[in-house]
């Protein structure tokens, strides 16, 4: 994937004249950098931002290094079939380019990362997670689909603008006994989209080790993804200690996932339980404005 593009390349990618593109650049609608020789270059993240905000149509995605979008363009998101059904079909059949292309197309068309996580990704992966009830091969299909979905989310994250060096930090993981990769990766990607420098420690991470990350990175927010079971008393004690360590820093512990319950909010005044990635995003954006 290319990192920067000329105005001519972006114009061709979205099917407009180069003169129109240059007018948008001159007006400040598109931010550019300059080469040593003084030539304008448009960073990928800026190109994506402009496409999303202007509702431009990407007619030649290969010029942006997004070949998957071209391959998925036959799947019109506005047709009657639900987006989750389309993603499920691609994942169940092991069609990685089509799955990536669908998610990238939806993001470019204006869907937020949180909406993708709560909508088509959540619904498709739930259906895939039920396949084992009907035949053992369903386990293999789910594992393959999870790997494809993880790759698609990483690809999506490459399109997000890099947070500034002084952006707030978020650190998170899934606890011991929770092997699921995708939920905590999605949380990290949602927080990246919300403007955080998100550090994802992945699954099977002892909760007490998060305190080390708090001392090292002084995060504004720590998240925990619970996909297997509500925490036992040992993990609850560790979470209470973590919340206490965050409190003097005016930082929050955010807990989510299908095994998270409202009672976990009793672990501390700065503990927030969220029911969706959309709620995580909203809370994170609000926390950015709080004094730290």
C-alpha atoms as a PDB file:
ATOM      1  CA  UNK A   1       0.000   0.000   0.000  1.00  0.00           C
ATOM      2  CA  UNK A   2       1.400   3.400  -0.975  1.00  0.00           C
ATOM      3  CA  UNK A   3       1.776   6.042   1.695  1.00  0.00           C
ATOM      4  CA  UNK A   4       1.416   9.171  -0.462  1.00  0.00           C
ATOM      5  CA  UNK A   5      -0.183  10.127  -3.774  1.00  0.00           C
ATOM      6  CA  UNK A   6       0.059  12.892  -6.310  1.00  0.00           C
ATOM      7  CA  UNK A   7      -3.030  15.053  -6.946  1.00  0.00           C
ATOM      8  CA  UNK A   8      -3.254  13.408 -10.360  1.00  0.00           C
ATOM      9  CA  UNK A   9      -3.377   9.926  -8.823  1.00  0.00           C
ATOM     10  CA  UNK A  10      -6.080  10.829  -6.296  1.00  0.00           C
ATOM     11  CA  UNK A  11      -8.105  12.589  -8.988  1.00  0.00           C
ATOM     12  CA  UNK A  12      -8.002   9.477 -11.173  1.00  0.00           C
ATOM     13  CA  UNK A  13      -8.873   7.234  -8.210  1.00  0.00           C
ATOM     14  CA  UNK A  14     -12.090   9.152  -7.457  1.00  0.00           C
ATOM     15  CA  UNK A  15     -12.980   9.948 -11.057  1.00  0.00           C
ATOM     16  CA  UNK A  16     -12.585  13.732 -11.100  1.00  0.00           C
ATOM     17  CA  UNK A  17     -10.422  16.056 -13.145  1.00  0.00           C
ATOM     18  CA  UNK A  18      -6.983  16.957 -11.912  1.00  0.00           C
ATOM     19  CA  UNK A  19      -7.932  20.641 -12.050  1.00  0.00           C
ATOM     20  CA  UNK A  20     -10.859  20.015  -9.683  1.00  0.00           C
ATOM     21  CA  UNK A  21      -8.618  18.135  -7.308  1.00  0.00           C
ATOM     22  CA  UNK A  22      -6.074  20.951  -7.339  1.00  0.00           C
ATOM     23  CA  UNK A  23      -8.801  23.484  -6.527  1.00  0.00           C
ATOM     24  CA  UNK A  24      -9.753  21.445  -3.463  1.00  0.00           C
ATOM     25  CA  UNK A  25      -6.108  21.363  -2.463  1.00  0.00           C
ATOM     26  CA  UNK A  26      -5.769  25.133  -2.945  1.00  0.00           C
ATOM     27  CA  UNK A  27      -8.895  25.778  -0.873  1.00  0.00           C
ATOM     28  CA  UNK A  28      -7.574  23.672   2.006  1.00  0.00           C
ATOM     29  CA  UNK A  29     -10.189  20.919   1.631  1.00  0.00           C
ATOM     30  CA  UNK A  30      -7.316  18.475   1.119  1.00  0.00           C
ATOM     31  CA  UNK A  31      -4.120  18.837   3.116  1.00  0.00           C
ATOM     32  CA  UNK A  32      -0.853  18.117   1.322  1.00  0.00           C
ATOM     33  CA  UNK A  33       2.825  17.806   2.081  1.00  0.00           C
ATOM     34  CA  UNK A  34       5.666  19.008  -0.119  1.00  0.00           C
ATOM     35  CA  UNK A  35       8.600  17.038  -1.479  1.00  0.00           C
ATOM     36  CA  UNK A  36      12.106  18.463  -1.424  1.00  0.00           C
ATOM     37  CA  UNK A  37      11.462  19.604  -4.978  1.00  0.00           C
ATOM     38  CA  UNK A  38       8.267  21.408  -3.965  1.00  0.00           C
ATOM     39  CA  UNK A  39       5.805  18.891  -5.446  1.00  0.00           C
ATOM     40  CA  UNK A  40       2.537  18.264  -3.613  1.00  0.00           C
ATOM     41  CA  UNK A  41       1.860  14.858  -2.121  1.00  0.00           C
ATOM     42  CA  UNK A  42      -1.294  13.641  -0.380  1.00  0.00           C
ATOM     43  CA  UNK A  43      -0.876  11.153   2.513  1.00  0.00           C
ATOM     44  CA  UNK A  44      -3.065   8.044   2.366  1.00  0.00           C
ATOM     45  CA  UNK A  45      -4.873   8.903   5.615  1.00  0.00           C
ATOM     46  CA  UNK A  46      -5.705  12.366   4.261  1.00  0.00           C
ATOM     47  CA  UNK A  47      -6.967  10.879   0.992  1.00  0.00           C
ATOM     48  CA  UNK A  48      -9.196   8.492   2.938  1.00  0.00           C
ATOM     49  CA  UNK A  49     -10.463  11.309   5.174  1.00  0.00           C
ATOM     50  CA  UNK A  50     -11.414  13.402   2.154  1.00  0.00           C
ATOM     51  CA  UNK A  51     -13.133  10.466   0.427  1.00  0.00           C
ATOM     52  CA  UNK A  52     -15.197   9.715   3.541  1.00  0.00           C
ATOM     53  CA  UNK A  53     -16.159  13.309   4.317  1.00  0.00           C
ATOM     54  CA  UNK A  54     -16.897  14.336   0.731  1.00  0.00           C
ATOM     55  CA  UNK A  55     -18.749  11.071  -0.089  1.00  0.00           C
ATOM     56  CA  UNK A  56     -16.533  10.660  -3.148  1.00  0.00           C
ATOM     57  CA  UNK A  57     -16.816   7.438  -5.134  1.00  0.00           C
ATOM     58  CA  UNK A  58     -13.619   5.430  -5.522  1.00  0.00           C
ATOM     59  CA  UNK A  59     -13.729   4.339  -9.160  1.00  0.00           C
ATOM     60  CA  UNK A  60     -10.133   3.102  -9.395  1.00  0.00           C
ATOM     61  CA  UNK A  61      -9.195   1.778  -5.946  1.00  0.00           C
ATOM     62  CA  UNK A  62      -6.075   0.097  -7.278  1.00  0.00           C
ATOM     63  CA  UNK A  63      -4.499   3.534  -7.652  1.00  0.00           C
ATOM     64  CA  UNK A  64      -4.746   3.874  -3.874  1.00  0.00           C
ATOM     65  CA  UNK A  65      -3.373   0.384  -3.278  1.00  0.00           C
ATOM     66  CA  UNK A  66      -6.851  -0.856  -2.288  1.00  0.00           C
ATOM     67  CA  UNK A  67      -7.348  -3.626  -4.820  1.00  0.00           C
ATOM     68  CA  UNK A  68      -9.740  -5.464  -2.493  1.00  0.00           C
ATOM     69  CA  UNK A  69     -12.245  -2.629  -2.780  1.00  0.00           C
ATOM     70  CA  UNK A  70     -12.326  -3.158  -6.539  1.00  0.00           C
ATOM     71  CA  UNK A  71     -12.938  -6.859  -6.134  1.00  0.00           C
ATOM     72  CA  UNK A  72     -15.822  -6.246  -3.739  1.00  0.00           C
ATOM     73  CA  UNK A  73     -17.386  -3.432  -5.756  1.00  0.00           C
ATOM     74  CA  UNK A  74     -19.927  -5.819  -7.295  1.00  0.00           C
ATOM     75  CA  UNK A  75     -21.407  -6.216  -3.807  1.00  0.00           C
ATOM     76  CA  UNK A  76     -23.483  -3.052  -3.626  1.00  0.00           C
ATOM     77  CA  UNK A  77     -24.030  -2.319   0.091  1.00  0.00           C
ATOM     78  CA  UNK A  78     -27.373  -0.713  -0.758  1.00  0.00           C
ATOM     79  CA  UNK A  79     -28.939  -3.906  -2.117  1.00  0.00           C
ATOM     80  CA  UNK A  80     -31.565  -5.678  -0.056  1.00  0.00           C
ATOM     81  CA  UNK A  81     -29.286  -8.389   1.303  1.00  0.00           C
ATOM     82  CA  UNK A  82     -27.941  -7.398   4.686  1.00  0.00           C
ATOM     83  CA  UNK A  83     -24.302  -6.410   5.072  1.00  0.00           C
ATOM     84  CA  UNK A  84     -23.796  -9.015   7.770  1.00  0.00           C
ATOM     85  CA  UNK A  85     -25.028 -11.720   5.380  1.00  0.00           C
ATOM     86  CA  UNK A  86     -22.517 -10.586   2.765  1.00  0.00           C
ATOM     87  CA  UNK A  87     -19.665 -10.586   5.220  1.00  0.00           C
ATOM     88  CA  UNK A  88     -20.739 -13.940   6.657  1.00  0.00           C
ATOM     89  CA  UNK A  89     -20.822 -15.468   3.185  1.00  0.00           C
ATOM     90  CA  UNK A  90     -17.320 -14.187   2.389  1.00  0.00           C
ATOM     91  CA  UNK A  91     -15.890 -15.338   5.715  1.00  0.00           C
ATOM     92  CA  UNK A  92     -17.620 -18.734   5.687  1.00  0.00           C
ATOM     93  CA  UNK A  93     -16.231 -19.431   2.220  1.00  0.00           C
ATOM     94  CA  UNK A  94     -12.734 -18.286   3.083  1.00  0.00           C
ATOM     95  CA  UNK A  95     -12.866 -15.416   0.584  1.00  0.00           C
ATOM     96  CA  UNK A  96     -10.416 -13.049   2.261  1.00  0.00           C
ATOM     97  CA  UNK A  97     -10.245 -10.437  -0.556  1.00  0.00           C
ATOM     98  CA  UNK A  98     -14.025 -10.093  -0.655  1.00  0.00           C
ATOM     99  CA  UNK A  99     -14.302  -9.830   3.149  1.00  0.00           C
ATOM    100  CA  UNK A 100     -11.578  -7.190   3.303  1.00  0.00           C
ATOM    101  CA  UNK A 101     -13.017  -5.389   0.319  1.00  0.00           C
ATOM    102  CA  UNK A 102     -16.481  -5.190   1.829  1.00  0.00           C
ATOM    103  CA  UNK A 103     -15.230  -3.725   5.111  1.00  0.00           C
ATOM    104  CA  UNK A 104     -12.893  -1.272   3.375  1.00  0.00           C
ATOM    105  CA  UNK A 105     -15.668  -0.184   1.008  1.00  0.00           C
ATOM    106  CA  UNK A 106     -18.024   0.455   3.910  1.00  0.00           C
ATOM    107  CA  UNK A 107     -15.388   2.466   5.769  1.00  0.00           C
ATOM    108  CA  UNK A 108     -14.600   4.561   2.695  1.00  0.00           C
ATOM    109  CA  UNK A 109     -18.302   5.227   2.215  1.00  0.00           C
ATOM    110  CA  UNK A 110     -18.543   6.758   5.686  1.00  0.00           C
ATOM    111  CA  UNK A 111     -19.265   3.941   8.160  1.00  0.00           C
ATOM    112  CA  UNK A 112     -17.340   4.299  11.414  1.00  0.00           C
ATOM    113  CA  UNK A 113     -15.055   1.560  12.720  1.00  0.00           C
ATOM    114  CA  UNK A 114     -17.355   1.175  15.730  1.00  0.00           C
ATOM    115  CA  UNK A 115     -20.409   0.760  13.490  1.00  0.00           C
ATOM    116  CA  UNK A 116     -18.645  -1.933  11.469  1.00  0.00           C
ATOM    117  CA  UNK A 117     -17.648  -3.739  14.657  1.00  0.00           C
ATOM    118  CA  UNK A 118     -21.143  -3.593  16.170  1.00  0.00           C
ATOM    119  CA  UNK A 119     -22.903  -4.360  12.884  1.00  0.00           C
ATOM    120  CA  UNK A 120     -21.635  -6.708  10.178  1.00  0.00           C
ATOM    121  CA  UNK A 121     -18.558  -8.008  12.028  1.00  0.00           C
ATOM    122  CA  UNK A 122     -20.405  -8.817  15.244  1.00  0.00           C
ATOM    123  CA  UNK A 123     -23.347 -10.434  13.500  1.00  0.00           C
ATOM    124  CA  UNK A 124     -21.274 -12.454  11.043  1.00  0.00           C
ATOM    125  CA  UNK A 125     -18.880 -13.741  13.701  1.00  0.00           C
ATOM    126  CA  UNK A 126     -21.771 -14.698  15.989  1.00  0.00           C
ATOM    127  CA  UNK A 127     -23.255 -16.859  13.236  1.00  0.00           C
ATOM    128  CA  UNK A 128     -19.882 -18.414  12.526  1.00  0.00           C
ATOM    129  CA  UNK A 129     -19.444 -19.159  16.217  1.00  0.00           C
ATOM    130  CA  UNK A 130     -22.611 -21.270  16.163  1.00  0.00           C
ATOM    131  CA  UNK A 131     -21.524 -23.553  13.306  1.00  0.00           C
ATOM    132  CA  UNK A 132     -19.836 -26.076  15.608  1.00  0.00           C
ATOM    133  CA  UNK A 133     -23.249 -27.002  16.990  1.00  0.00           C
ATOM    134  CA  UNK A 134     -24.162 -28.540  13.625  1.00  0.00           C
ATOM    135  CA  UNK A 135     -20.890 -30.178  12.548  1.00  0.00           C
ATOM    136  CA  UNK A 136     -17.297 -30.369  13.729  1.00  0.00           C
ATOM    137  CA  UNK A 137     -16.062 -28.712  10.564  1.00  0.00           C
ATOM    138  CA  UNK A 138     -17.760 -25.565  11.828  1.00  0.00           C
ATOM    139  CA  UNK A 139     -14.844 -25.098  14.240  1.00  0.00           C
ATOM    140  CA  UNK A 140     -12.420 -25.012  11.303  1.00  0.00           C
ATOM    141  CA  UNK A 141     -14.602 -22.570   9.380  1.00  0.00           C
ATOM    142  CA  UNK A 142     -14.828 -20.250  12.398  1.00  0.00           C
ATOM    143  CA  UNK A 143     -11.065 -20.308  12.993  1.00  0.00           C
ATOM    144  CA  UNK A 144     -10.349 -19.536   9.343  1.00  0.00           C
ATOM    145  CA  UNK A 145     -12.932 -16.767   9.340  1.00  0.00           C
ATOM    146  CA  UNK A 146     -11.465 -15.255  12.507  1.00  0.00           C
ATOM    147  CA  UNK A 147      -8.028 -15.132  10.924  1.00  0.00           C
ATOM    148  CA  UNK A 148      -9.455 -13.435   7.830  1.00  0.00           C
ATOM    149  CA  UNK A 149     -11.377 -10.936   9.929  1.00  0.00           C
ATOM    150  CA  UNK A 150      -8.292 -10.105  11.992  1.00  0.00           C
ATOM    151  CA  UNK A 151      -6.379  -9.441   8.777  1.00  0.00           C
ATOM    152  CA  UNK A 152      -9.190  -7.222   7.508  1.00  0.00           C
ATOM    153  CA  UNK A 153      -9.226  -5.171  10.714  1.00  0.00           C
ATOM    154  CA  UNK A 154      -5.450  -4.692  10.530  1.00  0.00           C
ATOM    155  CA  UNK A 155      -5.874  -3.558   6.929  1.00  0.00           C
ATOM    156  CA  UNK A 156      -8.598  -1.151   7.993  1.00  0.00           C
ATOM    157  CA  UNK A 157      -6.399   0.258  10.738  1.00  0.00           C
ATOM    158  CA  UNK A 158      -3.779   1.143   8.124  1.00  0.00           C
ATOM    159  CA  UNK A 159      -6.271   3.621   6.659  1.00  0.00           C
ATOM    160  CA  UNK A 160      -6.691   5.504   9.936  1.00  0.00           C
ATOM    161  CA  UNK A 161      -4.680   8.668  10.514  1.00  0.00           C
ATOM    162  CA  UNK A 162      -1.796   8.233  12.935  1.00  0.00           C
ATOM    163  CA  UNK A 163      -2.559   9.928  16.261  1.00  0.00           C
ATOM    164  CA  UNK A 164      -0.285  12.851  17.156  1.00  0.00           C
ATOM    165  CA  UNK A 165       2.643  12.275  19.481  1.00  0.00           C
ATOM    166  CA  UNK A 166       0.798  14.000  22.339  1.00  0.00           C
ATOM    167  CA  UNK A 167      -2.446  12.056  21.875  1.00  0.00           C
ATOM    168  CA  UNK A 168      -3.774  10.286  24.983  1.00  0.00           C
ATOM    169  CA  UNK A 169      -2.742   6.666  25.471  1.00  0.00           C
ATOM    170  CA  UNK A 170      -5.105   3.718  25.849  1.00  0.00           C
ATOM    171  CA  UNK A 171      -3.912   0.288  26.960  1.00  0.00           C
ATOM    172  CA  UNK A 172      -5.924  -2.893  26.969  1.00  0.00           C
ATOM    173  CA  UNK A 173      -6.193  -6.635  26.715  1.00  0.00           C
ATOM    174  CA  UNK A 174      -8.267  -9.680  27.502  1.00  0.00           C
ATOM    175  CA  UNK A 175      -7.534 -11.439  30.824  1.00  0.00           C
ATOM    176  CA  UNK A 176      -6.101 -14.852  31.586  1.00  0.00           C
ATOM    177  CA  UNK A 177      -8.408 -17.600  30.397  1.00  0.00           C
ATOM    178  CA  UNK A 178      -9.791 -15.447  27.573  1.00  0.00           C
ATOM    179  CA  UNK A 179      -8.200 -16.565  24.266  1.00  0.00           C
ATOM    180  CA  UNK A 180     -10.149 -14.346  21.872  1.00  0.00           C
ATOM    181  CA  UNK A 181      -8.011 -12.111  19.645  1.00  0.00           C
ATOM    182  CA  UNK A 182     -10.646 -10.213  17.677  1.00  0.00           C
ATOM    183  CA  UNK A 183     -12.576  -8.318  20.408  1.00  0.00           C
ATOM    184  CA  UNK A 184      -9.528  -6.629  21.930  1.00  0.00           C
ATOM    185  CA  UNK A 185      -8.131  -5.879  18.457  1.00  0.00           C
ATOM    186  CA  UNK A 186     -11.414  -4.203  17.529  1.00  0.00           C
ATOM    187  CA  UNK A 187     -11.351  -2.192  20.758  1.00  0.00           C
ATOM    188  CA  UNK A 188      -7.832  -0.989  19.939  1.00  0.00           C
ATOM    189  CA  UNK A 189      -8.896  -0.029  16.414  1.00  0.00           C
ATOM    190  CA  UNK A 190     -11.978   1.838  17.648  1.00  0.00           C
ATOM    191  CA  UNK A 191      -9.813   3.755  20.129  1.00  0.00           C
ATOM    192  CA  UNK A 192      -7.270   4.515  17.403  1.00  0.00           C
ATOM    193  CA  UNK A 193     -10.120   5.965  15.332  1.00  0.00           C
ATOM    194  CA  UNK A 194     -11.150   8.025  18.384  1.00  0.00           C
ATOM    195  CA  UNK A 195      -7.709   9.650  18.480  1.00  0.00           C
ATOM    196  CA  UNK A 196      -5.850   7.516  21.014  1.00  0.00           C
ATOM    197  CA  UNK A 197      -2.439   5.912  20.845  1.00  0.00           C
ATOM    198  CA  UNK A 198      -3.860   2.445  21.479  1.00  0.00           C
ATOM    199  CA  UNK A 199      -1.596  -0.291  22.838  1.00  0.00           C
ATOM    200  CA  UNK A 200      -3.221  -3.700  22.437  1.00  0.00           C
ATOM    201  CA  UNK A 201      -1.692  -6.408  24.635  1.00  0.00           C
ATOM    202  CA  UNK A 202      -3.964  -9.102  23.226  1.00  0.00           C
ATOM    203  CA  UNK A 203      -5.604 -12.062  24.954  1.00  0.00           C
ATOM    204  CA  UNK A 204      -4.450 -14.107  27.923  1.00  0.00           C
ATOM    205  CA  UNK A 205      -2.858 -11.104  29.670  1.00  0.00           C
ATOM    206  CA  UNK A 206      -2.737 -11.206  33.487  1.00  0.00           C
ATOM    207  CA  UNK A 207      -4.642  -8.203  34.803  1.00  0.00           C
ATOM    208  CA  UNK A 208      -1.964  -7.273  37.350  1.00  0.00           C
ATOM    209  CA  UNK A 209       0.510  -6.706  34.502  1.00  0.00           C
ATOM    210  CA  UNK A 210      -1.647  -3.834  33.259  1.00  0.00           C
ATOM    211  CA  UNK A 211      -0.527  -1.884  36.325  1.00  0.00           C
ATOM    212  CA  UNK A 212       3.012  -1.965  34.912  1.00  0.00           C
ATOM    213  CA  UNK A 213       1.708  -0.427  31.685  1.00  0.00           C
ATOM    214  CA  UNK A 214      -0.087   2.255  33.696  1.00  0.00           C
ATOM    215  CA  UNK A 215       3.199   3.281  35.330  1.00  0.00           C
ATOM    216  CA  UNK A 216       5.058   3.182  32.035  1.00  0.00           C
ATOM    217  CA  UNK A 217       2.561   4.929  29.718  1.00  0.00           C
ATOM    218  CA  UNK A 218       0.244   6.951  32.010  1.00  0.00           C
ATOM    219  CA  UNK A 219      -2.844   6.043  29.941  1.00  0.00           C
ATOM    220  CA  UNK A 220      -6.047   8.046  29.907  1.00  0.00           C
ATOM    221  CA  UNK A 221      -7.987   4.812  29.526  1.00  0.00           C
ATOM    222  CA  UNK A 222      -7.447   1.095  30.144  1.00  0.00           C
ATOM    223  CA  UNK A 223      -9.801  -1.392  28.536  1.00  0.00           C
ATOM    224  CA  UNK A 224     -10.534  -5.033  29.276  1.00  0.00           C
ATOM    225  CA  UNK A 225     -12.370  -7.339  26.878  1.00  0.00           C
ATOM    226  CA  UNK A 226     -14.375 -10.174  28.451  1.00  0.00           C
ATOM    227  CA  UNK A 227     -15.601 -12.802  25.998  1.00  0.00           C
ATOM    228  CA  UNK A 228     -15.582 -16.042  28.013  1.00  0.00           C
ATOM    229  CA  UNK A 229     -16.944 -15.535  31.520  1.00  0.00           C
ATOM    230  CA  UNK A 230     -17.612 -12.905  34.132  1.00  0.00           C
ATOM    231  CA  UNK A 231     -14.436 -12.420  36.223  1.00  0.00           C
ATOM    232  CA  UNK A 232     -13.978 -14.624  39.275  1.00  0.00           C
ATOM    233  CA  UNK A 233     -13.129 -13.174  42.669  1.00  0.00           C
ATOM    234  CA  UNK A 234      -9.386 -13.225  42.000  1.00  0.00           C
ATOM    235  CA  UNK A 235      -9.699 -11.209  38.795  1.00  0.00           C
ATOM    236  CA  UNK A 236     -12.205  -8.882  40.442  1.00  0.00           C
ATOM    237  CA  UNK A 237      -9.641  -8.094  43.137  1.00  0.00           C
ATOM    238  CA  UNK A 238      -7.023  -7.403  40.457  1.00  0.00           C
ATOM    239  CA  UNK A 239      -9.455  -5.151  38.588  1.00  0.00           C
ATOM    240  CA  UNK A 240     -10.245  -3.224  41.770  1.00  0.00           C
ATOM    241  CA  UNK A 241      -6.513  -2.671  42.361  1.00  0.00           C
ATOM    242  CA  UNK A 242      -6.101  -1.552  38.746  1.00  0.00           C
ATOM    243  CA  UNK A 243      -8.980   0.915  39.069  1.00  0.00           C
ATOM    244  CA  UNK A 244      -7.429   2.294  42.255  1.00  0.00           C
ATOM    245  CA  UNK A 245      -4.095   2.754  40.484  1.00  0.00           C
ATOM    246  CA  UNK A 246      -5.828   4.697  37.725  1.00  0.00           C
ATOM    247  CA  UNK A 247      -7.882   6.953  39.987  1.00  0.00           C
ATOM    248  CA  UNK A 248      -5.115   9.428  41.020  1.00  0.00           C
ATOM    249  CA  UNK A 249      -4.310   9.822  37.314  1.00  0.00           C
ATOM    250  CA  UNK A 250      -7.937  10.732  36.465  1.00  0.00           C
ATOM    251  CA  UNK A 251      -7.969   7.697  34.191  1.00  0.00           C
ATOM    252  CA  UNK A 252     -10.737   5.181  33.588  1.00  0.00           C
ATOM    253  CA  UNK A 253     -11.017   1.418  33.420  1.00  0.00           C
ATOM    254  CA  UNK A 254     -13.470   0.435  30.678  1.00  0.00           C
ATOM    255  CA  UNK A 255     -14.801  -3.127  30.614  1.00  0.00           C
ATOM    256  CA  UNK A 256     -16.763  -4.602  27.720  1.00  0.00           C
ATOM    257  CA  UNK A 257     -17.546  -7.801  25.908  1.00  0.00           C
ATOM    258  CA  UNK A 258     -20.303 -10.364  25.946  1.00  0.00           C
ATOM    259  CA  UNK A 259     -19.299 -11.569  29.444  1.00  0.00           C
ATOM    260  CA  UNK A 260     -19.223  -8.079  30.987  1.00  0.00           C
ATOM    261  CA  UNK A 261     -22.044  -7.298  33.396  1.00  0.00           C
ATOM    262  CA  UNK A 262     -23.249  -4.066  34.961  1.00  0.00           C
ATOM    263  CA  UNK A 263     -22.129  -5.256  38.430  1.00  0.00           C
ATOM    264  CA  UNK A 264     -18.496  -4.748  37.377  1.00  0.00           C
ATOM    265  CA  UNK A 265     -19.059  -0.993  37.597  1.00  0.00           C
ATOM    266  CA  UNK A 266     -19.097  -1.472  41.388  1.00  0.00           C
ATOM    267  CA  UNK A 267     -15.352  -2.143  41.311  1.00  0.00           C
ATOM    268  CA  UNK A 268     -14.620   1.588  41.404  1.00  0.00           C
ATOM    269  CA  UNK A 269     -15.952   5.046  40.722  1.00  0.00           C
ATOM    270  CA  UNK A 270     -13.778   5.235  37.603  1.00  0.00           C
ATOM    271  CA  UNK A 271     -14.932   1.894  36.178  1.00  0.00           C
ATOM    272  CA  UNK A 272     -17.195   2.042  33.145  1.00  0.00           C
ATOM    273  CA  UNK A 273     -19.003  -0.945  31.639  1.00  0.00           C
ATOM    274  CA  UNK A 274     -19.869  -0.589  27.939  1.00  0.00           C
ATOM    275  CA  UNK A 275     -22.188  -2.734  25.862  1.00  0.00           C
ATOM    276  CA  UNK A 276     -20.862  -1.936  22.401  1.00  0.00           C
ATOM    277  CA  UNK A 277     -17.939  -0.539  20.450  1.00  0.00           C
ATOM    278  CA  UNK A 278     -20.065   2.514  19.689  1.00  0.00           C
ATOM    279  CA  UNK A 279     -20.440   3.127  23.412  1.00  0.00           C
ATOM    280  CA  UNK A 280     -16.689   2.607  23.894  1.00  0.00           C
ATOM    281  CA  UNK A 281     -15.974   5.188  21.196  1.00  0.00           C
ATOM    282  CA  UNK A 282     -18.365   7.729  22.707  1.00  0.00           C
ATOM    283  CA  UNK A 283     -16.937   7.271  26.203  1.00  0.00           C
ATOM    284  CA  UNK A 284     -13.365   7.521  24.929  1.00  0.00           C
ATOM    285  CA  UNK A 285     -14.050  10.759  23.060  1.00  0.00           C
ATOM    286  CA  UNK A 286     -15.639  12.239  26.169  1.00  0.00           C
ATOM    287  CA  UNK A 287     -12.684  11.170  28.304  1.00  0.00           C
ATOM    288  CA  UNK A 288     -10.321  13.077  26.024  1.00  0.00           C
ATOM    289  CA  UNK A 289     -11.845  16.342  27.205  1.00  0.00           C
ATOM    290  CA  UNK A 290     -11.469  15.508  30.896  1.00  0.00           C
ATOM    291  CA  UNK A 291      -8.513  16.977  32.836  1.00  0.00           C
ATOM    292  CA  UNK A 292      -5.603  14.587  33.223  1.00  0.00           C
END
